[in-house]
Every structure is written in structure tokens, then in C-alpha cells.
Protein backbone atom coordinates (compact mmCIF):
# COMPACT_ATOMS: atom_id res chain seq x y z
CA MET A 1 -0.01 -0.01 -0.06
CA THR A 2 1.00 3.68 -0.46
CA ILE A 3 1.22 5.84 2.63
CA GLU A 4 -0.87 9.01 2.35
CA ARG A 5 0.39 11.00 5.29
CA LEU A 6 1.62 10.98 8.85
CA VAL A 7 -0.96 11.69 11.60
CA ALA A 8 -0.89 12.96 15.12
CA GLY A 9 0.82 10.45 17.40
CA GLY A 10 3.35 9.62 14.68
CA ASP A 11 1.86 6.71 12.76
CA ALA A 12 1.43 6.74 9.03
CA LEU A 13 -2.10 6.45 7.33
CA ALA A 14 -2.95 4.43 4.40
CA ARG A 15 -6.10 2.75 3.12
CA LEU A 16 -7.07 -0.94 2.66
CA GLU A 17 -8.79 -2.09 -0.49
CA ASP A 18 -12.15 -2.07 1.32
CA GLY A 19 -11.71 1.69 1.98
CA ARG A 20 -10.85 1.36 5.63
CA VAL A 21 -8.01 3.57 7.14
CA VAL A 22 -4.97 1.69 8.46
CA PHE A 23 -2.43 3.11 10.71
CA VAL A 24 1.09 1.84 10.13
CA GLU A 25 3.90 2.37 12.67
CA GLY A 26 7.25 3.26 11.19
CA ALA A 27 6.18 4.23 7.71
CA LEU A 28 6.57 7.70 6.02
CA THR A 29 4.56 9.85 3.67
CA GLY A 30 4.63 8.61 0.07
CA GLU A 31 6.37 5.28 0.81
CA VAL A 32 5.14 2.06 -0.88
CA VAL A 33 5.19 -0.55 1.93
CA ASP A 34 4.22 -4.12 2.71
CA VAL A 35 2.52 -4.35 6.13
CA GLU A 36 1.20 -6.89 8.55
CA ILE A 37 -2.30 -6.18 10.00
CA THR A 38 -2.17 -6.54 13.85
CA GLN A 39 -5.64 -5.16 14.60
CA SER A 40 -8.76 -5.15 12.43
CA LYS A 41 -11.88 -3.13 13.44
CA LYS A 42 -15.06 -2.19 11.52
CA ASP A 43 -13.82 1.30 10.71
CA PHE A 44 -9.98 1.06 10.79
CA ALA A 45 -7.07 -1.32 11.17
CA ARG A 46 -3.63 -1.15 12.68
CA ALA A 47 -0.45 -2.64 11.15
CA THR A 48 3.29 -2.96 11.53
CA LEU A 49 5.78 -2.39 8.77
CA ALA A 50 6.99 -5.62 7.11
CA SER A 51 9.11 -4.21 4.36
CA ILE A 52 9.67 -0.91 2.43
CA VAL A 53 9.20 -1.30 -1.38
CA THR A 54 9.88 2.37 -2.18
CA PRO A 55 11.42 4.48 0.55
CA SER A 56 10.78 8.15 1.23
CA PRO A 57 13.59 10.53 0.37
CA HIS A 58 13.28 11.77 3.94
CA ARG A 59 14.03 8.29 5.42
CA VAL A 60 17.33 8.10 7.23
CA ASP A 61 19.11 5.48 9.37
CA PRO A 62 18.41 6.16 13.03
CA PRO A 63 21.35 8.16 14.38
CA CYS A 64 21.20 6.52 17.84
CA PRO A 65 22.31 2.84 18.12
CA ASN A 66 19.85 2.29 20.97
CA VAL A 67 17.00 2.15 18.45
CA ALA A 68 18.35 -1.08 17.03
CA ARG A 69 18.43 -2.43 20.63
CA GLY A 70 14.69 -1.76 20.93
CA CYS A 71 14.67 1.56 22.84
CA GLY A 72 11.30 3.21 22.38
CA GLY A 73 12.30 6.68 23.53
CA CYS A 74 12.54 8.39 20.10
CA SER A 75 10.03 6.90 17.63
CA TRP A 76 10.81 9.24 14.69
CA GLN A 77 14.54 8.68 14.31
CA HIS A 78 13.87 7.28 10.86
CA LEU A 79 12.57 10.63 9.77
CA ASP A 80 15.23 13.26 8.71
CA HIS A 81 15.35 15.80 11.50
CA ALA A 82 15.48 18.62 8.88
CA VAL A 83 11.80 18.03 7.94
CA HIS A 84 10.50 17.52 11.49
CA GLY A 85 9.34 21.16 11.77
CA ASP A 86 7.37 21.24 8.59
CA THR A 87 5.89 17.73 9.32
CA LYS A 88 4.77 18.69 12.77
CA ALA A 89 3.18 21.92 11.54
CA GLU A 90 1.26 19.73 8.95
CA LEU A 91 0.09 17.45 11.83
CA VAL A 92 -1.21 20.40 13.75
CA THR A 93 -2.92 21.85 10.61
CA GLU A 94 -4.67 18.58 10.04
CA ALA A 95 -5.79 18.29 13.62
CA LEU A 96 -7.21 21.82 13.52
CA ARG A 97 -9.17 20.97 10.30
CA ARG A 98 -10.59 17.64 11.59
CA THR A 99 -11.16 18.39 15.29
CA ALA A 100 -11.60 22.10 15.44
CA HIS A 101 -13.07 22.47 12.05
CA LEU A 102 -10.66 25.32 11.17
CA GLU A 103 -9.52 25.61 7.57
CA ASP A 104 -7.89 29.05 7.31
CA VAL A 105 -6.07 29.77 10.64
CA PRO A 106 -2.42 30.57 9.92
CA VAL A 107 -0.14 27.96 11.35
CA ARG A 108 3.55 28.90 11.63
CA PHE A 109 6.59 26.89 12.78
CA GLY A 110 8.37 28.76 15.60
CA GLY A 111 11.56 26.76 16.07
CA SER A 112 13.19 23.55 17.23
CA LEU A 113 15.75 22.17 19.62
CA PRO A 114 19.06 20.89 18.49
CA PRO A 115 18.79 17.24 17.39
CA SER A 116 21.02 15.91 20.14
CA ALA A 117 22.42 16.57 23.73
CA SER A 118 19.86 19.17 24.84
CA ARG A 119 17.40 17.48 27.14
CA THR A 120 17.87 18.26 30.82
CA THR A 121 15.13 16.13 32.33
CA LEU A 122 14.80 12.42 31.78
CA ARG A 123 12.29 9.99 33.37
CA MET A 124 14.04 6.66 33.39
CA ALA A 125 12.85 3.12 34.04
CA VAL A 126 14.93 0.55 36.11
CA ASP A 127 15.55 -2.82 34.79
CA GLY A 128 15.86 -6.08 36.81
CA ASN A 129 19.52 -5.42 37.52
CA GLY A 130 19.00 -1.94 38.78
CA ARG A 131 20.27 -0.20 35.67
CA LEU A 132 18.74 2.89 34.20
CA GLY A 133 16.98 2.78 30.75
CA LEU A 134 13.93 3.45 28.69
CA ARG A 135 11.11 1.02 27.75
CA LYS A 136 10.61 -0.68 24.44
CA SER A 137 7.83 0.60 22.31
CA HIS A 138 4.48 -0.88 23.45
CA SER A 139 6.20 -2.82 26.10
CA HIS A 140 7.15 -2.73 29.87
CA ASP A 141 10.55 -4.26 29.01
CA VAL A 142 13.45 -1.91 29.71
CA VAL A 143 16.46 -1.26 27.52
CA ALA A 144 19.37 -0.37 29.80
CA LEU A 145 21.24 2.70 28.46
CA GLU A 146 24.79 4.01 28.83
CA ASP A 147 24.19 6.81 26.48
CA CYS A 148 21.26 8.80 25.11
CA LEU A 149 21.23 10.82 21.88
CA VAL A 150 18.98 13.64 23.22
CA ALA A 151 20.19 13.79 26.76
CA HIS A 152 22.47 16.61 28.05
CA GLU A 153 25.98 15.36 28.80
CA MET A 154 25.44 16.15 32.48
CA LEU A 155 22.71 13.42 32.56
CA VAL A 156 24.61 11.07 30.30
CA GLU A 157 27.48 11.03 32.86
CA MET A 158 25.16 9.39 35.34
CA LEU A 159 23.67 6.68 33.18
CA ALA A 160 26.35 3.96 32.93
CA ASP A 161 27.25 3.53 36.55
CA ALA A 162 24.04 4.21 38.47
CA ARG A 163 22.44 1.25 40.12
CA VAL A 164 19.03 1.40 41.72
CA GLU A 165 17.30 -0.75 44.37
CA GLY A 166 13.69 -0.47 45.46
CA ALA A 167 12.34 1.89 42.80
CA SER A 168 10.78 1.29 39.31
CA GLU A 169 11.56 4.71 38.01
CA VAL A 170 14.06 7.59 38.40
CA THR A 171 13.66 11.28 37.41
CA MET A 172 17.03 12.88 36.47
CA ARG A 173 17.30 16.66 36.06
CA CYS A 174 20.19 19.12 35.56
CA GLY A 175 20.56 22.90 35.47
CA VAL A 176 22.85 23.82 32.65
CA SER A 177 23.33 27.46 33.96
CA SER A 178 23.92 26.38 37.64
CA GLY A 179 25.79 23.04 36.95
CA GLU A 180 23.42 21.38 39.48
CA ARG A 181 22.09 17.83 39.20
CA GLY A 182 19.50 15.85 41.07
CA VAL A 183 17.70 12.48 40.94
CA TRP A 184 14.39 11.35 42.52
CA LEU A 185 13.45 7.68 43.05
CA HIS A 186 9.75 6.88 42.63
CA ASP A 187 7.20 4.48 41.24
CA ASP A 188 5.32 4.65 37.91
CA LYS A 189 2.53 6.77 39.57
CA GLY A 190 5.15 9.47 40.65
CA ARG A 191 4.99 8.44 44.37
CA ASP A 192 8.12 8.29 46.47
CA ALA A 193 9.84 4.90 46.52
CA LYS A 194 10.38 4.67 50.31
CA GLY A 195 13.61 2.96 51.29
CA ALA A 196 14.94 2.97 47.70
CA THR A 197 18.63 3.52 47.17
CA ILE A 198 20.83 4.55 44.25
CA ILE A 199 24.57 4.16 44.02
CA GLY A 200 27.29 5.07 41.38
CA LEU A 201 26.35 8.79 41.08
CA PRO A 202 28.82 11.62 40.97
CA ARG A 203 29.24 13.20 44.41
CA ASP A 204 27.63 16.46 43.34
CA VAL A 205 24.26 14.89 42.56
CA LYS A 206 21.47 15.68 45.07
CA ILE A 207 19.01 12.84 45.83
CA GLY A 208 15.33 12.93 46.78
CA ARG A 209 12.00 14.72 46.09
CA ARG A 210 13.27 17.75 47.90
CA ALA A 211 16.33 18.14 45.69
CA VAL A 212 16.24 21.33 43.47
CA VAL A 213 18.20 22.53 40.48
CA HIS A 214 18.29 26.09 39.22
CA GLU A 215 18.08 27.20 35.59
CA THR A 216 18.10 30.51 33.84
CA VAL A 217 15.42 31.22 31.30
CA HIS A 218 14.88 34.63 29.74
CA GLY A 219 17.44 36.05 32.05
CA VAL A 220 15.60 34.89 35.13
CA ASN A 221 16.93 32.38 37.66
CA LEU A 222 14.32 29.67 38.34
CA GLN A 223 14.15 27.02 41.10
CA VAL A 224 12.90 23.65 39.74
CA SER A 225 12.06 20.76 42.18
CA MET A 226 12.44 17.19 41.25
CA PRO A 227 8.75 16.25 41.23
CA ALA A 228 7.64 19.46 39.52
CA PHE A 229 7.11 19.66 35.75
CA PHE A 230 9.51 21.79 33.78
CA GLN A 231 10.19 22.04 30.05
CA THR A 232 12.62 19.51 28.45
CA SER A 233 15.47 22.01 28.65
CA ALA A 234 16.28 25.69 29.11
CA ILE A 235 16.38 25.99 25.29
CA ALA A 236 12.94 24.59 25.08
CA ALA A 237 11.67 26.93 27.81
CA GLU A 238 13.20 29.85 26.08
CA LEU A 239 11.54 28.99 22.79
CA LEU A 240 8.22 28.50 24.59
CA VAL A 241 8.46 31.68 26.60
CA ASN A 242 9.18 33.72 23.33
CA ALA A 243 6.14 32.14 21.61
CA VAL A 244 3.79 32.87 24.58
CA ASN A 245 5.18 36.43 24.75
CA SER A 246 4.25 37.03 21.08
CA ALA A 247 0.84 35.40 21.43
CA ALA A 248 -0.03 37.41 24.53
CA GLY A 249 1.19 40.81 23.37
CA ASP A 250 2.63 43.67 25.47
CA ALA A 251 -0.71 45.28 26.30
CA ALA A 252 -2.20 42.12 27.91
CA LEU A 253 1.03 41.34 29.79
CA SER A 254 1.23 44.85 31.15
CA GLY A 255 -1.88 44.24 33.27
CA ASP A 256 -3.81 47.11 31.70
CA PHE A 257 -6.81 44.81 30.93
CA GLY A 258 -6.79 43.29 34.38
CA PRO A 259 -4.94 40.67 36.48
CA ILE A 260 -3.14 37.90 34.74
CA VAL A 261 -4.17 34.22 35.47
CA ASP A 262 -1.37 31.78 35.06
CA ALA A 263 -3.35 28.58 34.81
CA TYR A 264 -1.50 25.26 35.30
CA GLY A 265 1.22 27.67 36.13
CA GLY A 266 3.76 25.09 37.50
CA GLY A 267 6.78 26.88 38.99
CA GLY A 268 5.84 30.25 37.45
CA LEU A 269 7.85 29.99 34.24
CA PHE A 270 5.67 32.43 32.28
CA SER A 271 4.88 34.83 35.14
CA ALA A 272 8.50 35.05 36.26
CA THR A 273 9.82 35.69 32.77
CA LEU A 274 7.21 37.82 31.11
CA VAL A 275 5.23 39.79 33.77
CA ASP A 276 6.56 42.87 35.56
CA THR A 277 6.73 42.68 39.33
CA ASP A 278 3.95 45.31 39.81
CA VAL A 279 1.36 43.44 37.80
CA ASP A 280 -1.32 41.40 39.69
CA ILE A 281 -0.98 37.66 39.06
CA VAL A 282 -2.99 34.64 40.09
CA LEU A 283 -1.17 31.41 39.66
CA VAL A 284 -3.20 28.25 39.76
CA GLU A 285 -1.37 24.94 40.11
CA SER A 286 -2.30 21.61 41.81
CA ASN A 287 1.28 20.21 42.34
CA LYS A 288 2.68 21.05 45.69
CA SER A 289 6.28 20.95 44.71
CA ALA A 290 5.63 23.34 41.80
CA CYS A 291 3.80 25.71 44.10
CA ASN A 292 6.80 25.71 46.42
CA ASP A 293 8.91 26.67 43.34
CA ALA A 294 6.49 29.30 42.38
CA HIS A 295 6.70 31.04 45.83
CA VAL A 296 10.45 31.21 45.39
CA ASN A 297 10.52 32.24 41.74
CA LEU A 298 7.86 34.82 42.20
CA ALA A 299 8.90 36.23 45.45
CA ASP A 300 9.31 39.74 44.12
CA HIS A 301 5.96 39.68 42.23
CA GLN A 302 2.47 40.71 43.17
CA VAL A 303 1.14 37.14 43.03
CA ARG A 304 -1.49 34.99 44.80
CA ILE A 305 -0.62 31.29 44.30
CA GLU A 306 -3.65 28.91 44.66
CA GLN A 307 -2.77 25.22 45.05
CA VAL A 308 -5.86 23.77 43.48
CA ALA A 309 -6.82 22.01 40.25
CA VAL A 310 -7.90 24.49 37.60
CA GLU A 311 -11.21 22.47 37.24
CA GLN A 312 -11.88 23.06 40.87
CA TRP A 313 -10.72 26.66 41.03
CA ARG A 314 -13.08 29.59 41.52
CA PRO A 315 -12.42 31.84 38.57
CA ILE A 316 -11.79 35.61 38.86
CA GLU A 317 -12.13 38.29 36.33
CA ALA A 318 -8.90 38.59 34.35
CA GLY A 319 -7.33 40.52 31.52
CA LEU A 320 -5.21 37.65 30.24
CA VAL A 321 -5.15 33.97 30.85
CA ILE A 322 -2.14 31.80 30.02
CA ALA A 323 -3.13 28.14 30.20
CA ASP A 324 -0.56 25.29 29.94
CA PRO A 325 -2.54 22.11 30.76
CA ALA A 326 -1.13 18.51 30.76
CA ARG A 327 -1.19 16.46 27.58
CA ASN A 328 -4.91 15.64 27.79
CA GLY A 329 -5.67 19.35 27.55
CA LEU A 330 -8.31 21.56 29.19
CA GLY A 331 -11.26 19.51 28.51
CA ARG A 332 -14.78 20.80 28.96
CA VAL A 333 -14.50 21.69 32.71
CA GLY A 334 -11.04 23.31 32.32
CA ALA A 335 -12.24 25.35 29.38
CA GLU A 336 -15.34 26.52 31.31
CA ALA A 337 -13.02 27.68 34.14
CA ILE A 338 -10.93 29.75 31.70
CA VAL A 339 -13.93 31.13 29.98
CA ALA A 340 -15.47 32.15 33.31
CA THR A 341 -12.57 34.61 33.73
CA ASP A 342 -14.08 36.66 30.88
CA ALA A 343 -10.53 37.53 29.85
CA PRO A 344 -10.32 39.30 26.49
CA ARG A 345 -7.21 37.32 25.60
CA ILE A 346 -6.23 33.70 26.20
CA VAL A 347 -2.87 32.03 25.34
CA LEU A 348 -3.30 28.34 25.20
CA VAL A 349 -0.21 26.03 25.32
CA SER A 350 -0.94 22.47 24.16
CA CYS A 351 1.41 19.48 24.01
CA ASP A 352 -0.94 17.40 22.01
CA ALA A 353 -2.24 18.29 18.55
CA VAL A 354 -5.61 16.78 18.85
CA ALA A 355 -6.34 17.76 22.44
CA GLY A 356 -5.23 21.28 21.60
CA ALA A 357 -7.48 21.36 18.59
CA ARG A 358 -10.39 20.19 20.78
CA ASP A 359 -9.70 22.91 23.33
CA ILE A 360 -9.50 25.59 20.67
CA ARG A 361 -13.00 24.53 19.43
CA LEU A 362 -14.42 24.62 23.06
CA LEU A 363 -13.00 28.16 23.53
CA MET A 364 -14.28 29.27 20.05
CA ASP A 365 -17.72 27.86 20.83
CA ALA A 366 -17.65 30.05 23.96
CA GLY A 367 -17.07 33.15 21.82
CA TYR A 368 -13.33 33.44 21.32
CA SER A 369 -11.70 33.89 17.88
CA CYS A 370 -8.52 31.98 17.08
CA GLU A 371 -5.84 34.50 15.94
CA SER A 372 -2.77 32.51 15.36
CA VAL A 373 -1.13 29.07 16.01
CA THR A 374 2.61 28.60 16.53
CA VAL A 375 4.20 25.05 16.43
CA LEU A 376 7.37 24.31 18.25
CA ASP A 377 9.51 21.18 18.00
CA LEU A 378 10.67 20.75 21.67
CA PHE A 379 11.00 16.87 21.45
CA PRO A 380 13.59 15.95 18.76
CA HIS A 381 13.20 12.67 17.04
CA THR A 382 9.55 12.14 18.32
CA PRO A 383 6.20 13.11 16.89
CA HIS A 384 5.36 15.24 20.03
CA VAL A 385 4.60 18.82 19.39
CA GLU A 386 4.08 22.07 21.40
CA VAL A 387 1.44 24.33 20.18
CA VAL A 388 0.87 28.01 21.32
CA THR A 389 -2.51 29.54 20.31
CA ALA A 390 -3.59 33.13 20.70
CA LEU A 391 -7.42 33.67 21.17
CA SER A 392 -9.26 36.80 21.79
CA ARG A 393 -12.84 38.23 22.08
């Protein structure tokens, strides 16, 4: 069969003789391939790649040898990194068309990370011998790693010799500007692995959920706790802050229209880097560690930090909302909370093309207009996207 296009999530799309859509893992747009059907439903099928009859000109050999060992961390290493940006913009455009029913919104590509050695946070699995690694695709099996193409060298230095006992996962994080490193031992639900131990680390590495590293973004020094969410690197955070800055605009960020709501605000990345200290801010975040970071990072700001889920928060009237929800997006309840602020401007940050398109449609149905969409490639060698959308009314 001939592959028509790539779709959100990274699979390729083709059609069976009976007209059904089939999703093929590992194929690329325009390729002629032989496949093996692994799942057959009434409306669609799934398949694995058996052989490539006619390869895409953008197909490359995976640059990381761990792919051949089964590592599932980077599922797009067979696609030339040079075309990732355009490809991801196309994925977002298609998601907007199909899910948000938007045909003519301008979608621009806003930049990407280097293809290697930039990631400063890794969530690793632990194999049966206590070694750190990543899981195989569609499997719980762990591929132990001594190197990682996308990881910063400060993290790579910890991989080979570290040995863990009593924990199933380890979060590793470094601050490039500070030179600090930390690890946190936990289970797959993000709960402390009590009594767990790790050996083989350099002496400077801090251990435990209370460990923090510091990173500089947009000229601002930020504290980041081990259990708190942060962007994949300072480079990624810088790109994202710039995109949010452009989407929000100087007038809304000035506070002239009213207070700024930093929803799903984490440690205060956007408020700390983009908002002047005399502007009223309400930061809404459910993670305790992230709220602790926000208190430190926004100590000089006029901010009220509310440790509560956005979906359970009592909205206030605002002049600007910056919303950066988790991968599943705002959803109906989250969108209702954002709309209840009556903000004339919303900046929505989405890390899933389909969830982002659904949220855009929810906000548009509530009276907002979609002004612009910017796509960022903050996850090299994967189909993951970051989307920044400006909406107003």
C-alpha cells in the first residue's frame, strides 16, 4: 500500500482495498510498503511495517544505536530531522481541520531544539539489574542505556554507573546554567519509593524529592524541584516563553486589561519571565512541589498562588489567561473555568495536537476567535509537538 500522510501520534495513514483507514507504525509519507495487519476493526485497522518497497527521500538511518536495541524513547529517528518542523506543522494543521473544523487559521513553525544533547530532564525506568534505561515501544521491558542521543551530557554522565534498588523509575534533572544535578526515586505513579537507594552517582548529585536545581530562562533564575514539571530544557523553555510572549502581546502582559491568570502555572515560568513585578498575578497549580517553586520564583511579584486544580478553582475576572495544561488538555471543565474569567485574551499552550484542537474549538464555541497558532519542536526525534495559540474576544 502507499502511505498518504503522517498523523498525530506519529503513525502513518494508508487505506485498505475495502476503504478502511489503516495506521502503520514506522512508515513515512509517500512510501510504498508491505504491512502486517495486527488489529482489524469495523472502521479502521492497525499494522506493523513488514518491508519498504519504495522508501521516502526523507527516510534516514536512526542516528542512535539504541534504536536497534529496541529503545522506544524516540520513535521518529527514521525521519530526517530537517523536515520535522514542517511535518509537525502539517500534523497540527490537520488536527485543526478535523477536530476544530478550522480551515484558514495561519499555522507557523516557531523553532526547534538541536537534534542531540539538549534534554535536561529524563524520566528513566529501572531494569531487573537496577540499571537505568527506557522502555521498548508498546512494552514494559526496559532497555538499559549507557548513552542517550537527546540527553544533556550532565545526565549522560550518570547513566552507565548508576544502580537502583527499590524503585521502578528515576527522574534525572540538571540545570545547565547552575551546573546542579538531582535524581528522585519513585514508582510509575510518581510516588516516593520509600527505602529505595541509588549508588554510582557523581558526588555532586542531590538525591530525593526535595532536591532542586536552578536554571536561567529569559534572564531569570528559576528553582525547579524534582517532582515538578519543567520544560525538556532551558532551550525549550526559552522558545516557549518567546512564543507565549508574542501570542499574549505587550498590552495584555502589562496588566492594563486586568489581572493575569497563570493557569496550570507550574513553578511560574511564564509569570517570572514575562510579567513585571507590579502586575497582579493569580497562579493556579495543583502540584505542591511546583507551588513551592513558584513561591520562590515569584517572591518579588504581586502574586496569589492557589494550590488547586484549575477544574476546581473559583475563577476571577482577568485581563489575560495563560493556560498550559497537561497532555490531555483543558477538557470541557477546564475550558469552562478559563472562559469564566471573561478574559479578553487567552494564550493556550498544548502539548498534544488533537487535544489542543479540541480545546480551541471549546473556546471558540464560547465566543473566542483563534488569531494565530505557533508550532514548536521541543521533542527531537519524536512526533510530540508544542502548540501556542492566541485567542481573543
